[in-house]
Amino acid sequence: MDSDEADKYIRLVKEKQQIGLQKLKSKKAGDGGGNGDGSGGFSYKVDPYGLRSGDYVVHKKVGIGRFVGIKFDVPKGSSEPIEYVFIEYSDGMAKLPVKQASRMLCRYNLLNETKKPRTLSKLNDTSVWERRKVAIQKMVVDLMELYLHRLKQTRPPYPKNPAMVDFAAQFPYEPTPDQKQAFIDVERDLTERETPMDCLIFGDVGFGKTEVALRAIFCVVSTGKQSMVLAPTIVLAKQHFDVISERFSIYPNVNVGLLSRFQTTAEKEEYLDMIKQGHLNIIVGIHSLLGSHVVFNNLGLLVVDEEQRIGVKQKEKIAPFKTSVDVLTLSATPIPRTLYLALTGFRDASLISTPPPERVPIKTHLSAFSKEKVISAVKNEVDWDGQVFYVLPRIKGET
């Protein structure tokens, strides 16, 4: 990638960032949360007079510092005092004329955020800051190159399958309004677009994200393509395998497989051959599915569950898939970068915030250990056929 293309990507990122920030801050516009220019939007640009002592700011050339205040001082070669912005760094204090500060300083935080940087930058050694800027720029360029390359890819829209009505009817619950909208959004992405889908479905545990994935899988496998379901742990992968197997049990032409470390070498080899030959339509597993030894016959959809629990190396292996297949990501707590890409429009997103009917809020109790309380809580859960996870620092000696 040459410098002109890199600059183009950076400009695109900035444009998308402003759109996302306006979305995030649109509710603040009526409360005086604008940027002071009458537009009602938010800007990282700094009005030095709007800063408070202790606010963190970013100097474009020096890095992160802490705003101390604005004071009059006499510049060299002059007898007239002017206003300076004083900024504290880890190795000293810097002062900037107010006009220069307006051009060179940016906010470190969004409005109403209180997060602190790990360290302040050094005033007399900007090499660390320069390396950070280069690393961030490279990450942004690489990421945008991936997504812009993805926009250039095409695939025929999936046909709308009348059998989807029967498949959806198997869902034993009444979908919530948010679920219904998520169904519509994902189906539209698959059946009306010619570019691969990259959609994030986020919602609390038990709010129905899996059902959205199941309908997307049905849409894809009914055309003869394969679907891969990636989970962070073998326990979660096994749960998905059980749910998917039960749901697709009435479709004899759809084969579901689980690839795990508990299988023998012979069993794994047999499954890998079935995947390569296209005899397995839905493959469930952990990050081992991303290895070079797994060769798909006609992969159409990748479902990633609990993305925030998947490691960096595994995410790097997922990236190549995103340029050629449809991707559906499920998460209750998406990582900041994923959420940012969704908010800025680089990724599609659907929020399931409506709890299912009769869903009661999760209650958390903190108390000193009491055997009677533990027995009561466990018995209450078991009585209605629920599950209990007993977490403790050690197992040896416990009964």
Foldseek 3Di string as FASTA:
>chain_A
DDPVLLVVLVVVVVVLLQLLQCVVQVVCLVVPQDDPPPPSTHFQQDQQVPDDFQFWKAFQQFGIWTWHHKDWDADPPDDDTAIWTWTDFPAGIDIHGNVVCRVGMTGPDRPPDDDDDPHGTDRVDRPVVVVVVVVVSVVSSVVSVLLVLQVVAFDAAQADDPCLVVLVVVPPADQDPLRVVLLVVLNCQRHPGGGAAFEEEAEAPQLDPVVSVLSSLCSAVVVLAAEEEAEADVVVLVVSQVVNCVSCVVPVQAAEEEDDPVDDPVVNVVVQVCQCVSSHRYYTYYLVCLDPSRDGNGHAEYEYEAVVSDDPVSVVSCSVVSSPHHYYYYHHDDDPVVVSCCSSVSHPYGYRYDHGPPDDDDDDDDDPDDPVVVVVVVCVQVVVPHDDDDDDPDDPPPD
